[in-house]
Amino acid sequence: MPLYDYISEQAEDPDKSCRVCAKGFELRRPLDRPALEVCPLCRNPVKKKISQVNTPRIMKPLSVSDAKKAGFTILEKKEEGVYERQ
């Protein structure tokens, strides 16, 4: 589930927002749920902030033996269009 960042629409005025939404908060919600419109604590309007996206790192195996340990099949080119397992 992704994390969403929310902040109070009245964050500039601390009297109109609670301690949670004035500073902003993170909430883990399923993708199929709509965005929050009110703070769960004080019921004041909140807006969703653009937050940092977490992308997985794609790394190549360091060696042939590492690739084999990871479950990959290693092929070696013998001639044009012909590959053989190592």
C-alpha atoms as a PDB file:
ATOM      1  CA  MET A   1       0.000   0.000   0.000  1.00  0.00           C
ATOM      2  CA  PRO A   2       1.299   3.455  -0.816  1.00  0.00           C
ATOM      3  CA  LEU A   3       1.932   6.211   1.706  1.00  0.00           C
ATOM      4  CA  TYR A   4       0.131   9.510   1.256  1.00  0.00           C
ATOM      5  CA  ASP A   5       1.122  12.822   2.878  1.00  0.00           C
ATOM      6  CA  TYR A   6      -1.617  15.182   4.058  1.00  0.00           C
ATOM      7  CA  ILE A   7      -1.542  18.678   5.534  1.00  0.00           C
ATOM      8  CA  SER A   8      -4.254  20.982   6.835  1.00  0.00           C
ATOM      9  CA  GLU A   9      -5.599  23.591   4.453  1.00  0.00           C
ATOM     10  CA  GLN A  10      -5.420  25.999   7.417  1.00  0.00           C
ATOM     11  CA  ALA A  11      -1.863  25.076   8.452  1.00  0.00           C
ATOM     12  CA  GLU A  12      -0.881  28.758   8.662  1.00  0.00           C
ATOM     13  CA  ASP A  13      -3.434  29.330  11.442  1.00  0.00           C
ATOM     14  CA  PRO A  14      -2.637  26.958  14.357  1.00  0.00           C
ATOM     15  CA  ASP A  15      -5.946  27.771  16.081  1.00  0.00           C
ATOM     16  CA  LYS A  16      -7.943  26.243  13.232  1.00  0.00           C
ATOM     17  CA  SER A  17      -6.055  22.966  12.948  1.00  0.00           C
ATOM     18  CA  CYS A  18      -5.013  20.271  15.400  1.00  0.00           C
ATOM     19  CA  ARG A  19      -1.421  19.338  16.250  1.00  0.00           C
ATOM     20  CA  VAL A  20      -1.522  16.417  13.785  1.00  0.00           C
ATOM     21  CA  CYS A  21      -2.732  18.091  10.614  1.00  0.00           C
ATOM     22  CA  ALA A  22      -0.921  21.409  11.234  1.00  0.00           C
ATOM     23  CA  LYS A  23       2.460  19.673  10.837  1.00  0.00           C
ATOM     24  CA  GLY A  24       1.194  17.171   8.287  1.00  0.00           C
ATOM     25  CA  PHE A  25       0.856  13.412   8.574  1.00  0.00           C
ATOM     26  CA  GLU A  26       1.422  10.261   6.544  1.00  0.00           C
ATOM     27  CA  LEU A  27      -1.281   7.701   5.984  1.00  0.00           C
ATOM     28  CA  ARG A  28      -1.082   4.274   4.379  1.00  0.00           C
ATOM     29  CA  ARG A  29      -4.151   3.679   2.213  1.00  0.00           C
ATOM     30  CA  PRO A  30      -5.093   1.207  -0.531  1.00  0.00           C
ATOM     31  CA  LEU A  31      -5.090   2.519  -4.100  1.00  0.00           C
ATOM     32  CA  ASP A  32      -8.810   1.948  -4.562  1.00  0.00           C
ATOM     33  CA  ARG A  33      -9.760   4.275  -1.681  1.00  0.00           C
ATOM     34  CA  PRO A  34     -10.385   7.970  -2.392  1.00  0.00           C
ATOM     35  CA  ALA A  35      -8.103  10.623  -0.879  1.00  0.00           C
ATOM     36  CA  LEU A  36      -8.932  11.973   2.572  1.00  0.00           C
ATOM     37  CA  GLU A  37     -10.863  15.222   2.643  1.00  0.00           C
ATOM     38  CA  VAL A  38     -10.879  15.852   6.418  1.00  0.00           C
ATOM     39  CA  CYS A  39      -8.431  15.246   9.263  1.00  0.00           C
ATOM     40  CA  PRO A  40      -9.330  12.046  11.136  1.00  0.00           C
ATOM     41  CA  LEU A  41      -8.731  13.811  14.476  1.00  0.00           C
ATOM     42  CA  CYS A  42     -10.231  17.326  14.192  1.00  0.00           C
ATOM     43  CA  ARG A  43     -12.380  16.995  11.031  1.00  0.00           C
ATOM     44  CA  ASN A  44     -10.864  20.117   9.420  1.00  0.00           C
ATOM     45  CA  PRO A  45     -10.235  19.995   5.651  1.00  0.00           C
ATOM     46  CA  VAL A  46      -6.893  18.541   4.553  1.00  0.00           C
ATOM     47  CA  LYS A  47      -5.176  18.317   1.192  1.00  0.00           C
ATOM     48  CA  LYS A  48      -2.883  15.664  -0.194  1.00  0.00           C
ATOM     49  CA  LYS A  49       0.738  16.744  -0.670  1.00  0.00           C
ATOM     50  CA  ILE A  50       3.005  15.526  -3.406  1.00  0.00           C
ATOM     51  CA  SER A  51       5.478  13.231  -1.734  1.00  0.00           C
ATOM     52  CA  GLN A  52       8.643  11.415  -2.669  1.00  0.00           C
ATOM     53  CA  VAL A  53       8.178   8.345  -4.830  1.00  0.00           C
ATOM     54  CA  ASN A  54       9.889   5.133  -3.829  1.00  0.00           C
ATOM     55  CA  THR A  55      11.131   3.178  -6.829  1.00  0.00           C
ATOM     56  CA  PRO A  56      12.904  -0.139  -6.616  1.00  0.00           C
ATOM     57  CA  ARG A  57      16.544  -0.279  -7.562  1.00  0.00           C
ATOM     58  CA  ILE A  58      17.362  -2.431 -10.534  1.00  0.00           C
ATOM     59  CA  MET A  59      20.743  -4.011 -10.152  1.00  0.00           C
ATOM     60  CA  LYS A  60      22.611  -6.360 -12.417  1.00  0.00           C
ATOM     61  CA  PRO A  61      24.135  -9.499 -10.931  1.00  0.00           C
ATOM     62  CA  LEU A  62      27.781  -8.910 -10.082  1.00  0.00           C
ATOM     63  CA  SER A  63      29.031 -12.134 -11.653  1.00  0.00           C
ATOM     64  CA  VAL A  64      27.942 -15.301 -13.432  1.00  0.00           C
ATOM     65  CA  SER A  65      27.936 -17.216 -10.158  1.00  0.00           C
ATOM     66  CA  ASP A  66      25.737 -14.527  -8.526  1.00  0.00           C
ATOM     67  CA  ALA A  67      23.297 -14.759 -11.442  1.00  0.00           C
ATOM     68  CA  LYS A  68      23.155 -18.559 -11.099  1.00  0.00           C
ATOM     69  CA  LYS A  69      22.536 -18.265  -7.351  1.00  0.00           C
ATOM     70  CA  ALA A  70      19.692 -15.839  -8.083  1.00  0.00           C
ATOM     71  CA  GLY A  71      18.069 -18.451 -10.339  1.00  0.00           C
ATOM     72  CA  PHE A  72      18.930 -17.036 -13.758  1.00  0.00           C
ATOM     73  CA  THR A  73      19.910 -19.251 -16.675  1.00  0.00           C
ATOM     74  CA  ILE A  74      23.261 -18.195 -18.136  1.00  0.00           C
ATOM     75  CA  LEU A  75      23.632 -18.545 -21.892  1.00  0.00           C
ATOM     76  CA  GLU A  76      26.801 -18.191 -23.942  1.00  0.00           C
ATOM     77  CA  LYS A  77      26.711 -17.272 -27.627  1.00  0.00           C
ATOM     78  CA  LYS A  78      28.416 -19.994 -29.733  1.00  0.00           C
ATOM     79  CA  GLU A  79      27.615 -18.752 -33.240  1.00  0.00           C
ATOM     80  CA  GLU A  80      25.041 -16.564 -34.987  1.00  0.00           C
ATOM     81  CA  GLY A  81      21.629 -17.362 -33.450  1.00  0.00           C
ATOM     82  CA  VAL A  82      22.980 -20.289 -31.395  1.00  0.00           C
ATOM     83  CA  TYR A  83      23.279 -20.068 -27.621  1.00  0.00           C
ATOM     84  CA  GLU A  84      24.400 -22.746 -25.194  1.00  0.00           C
ATOM     85  CA  ARG A  85      23.902 -23.051 -21.458  1.00  0.00           C
ATOM     86  CA  GLN A  86      26.970 -22.509 -19.340  1.00  0.00           C
END
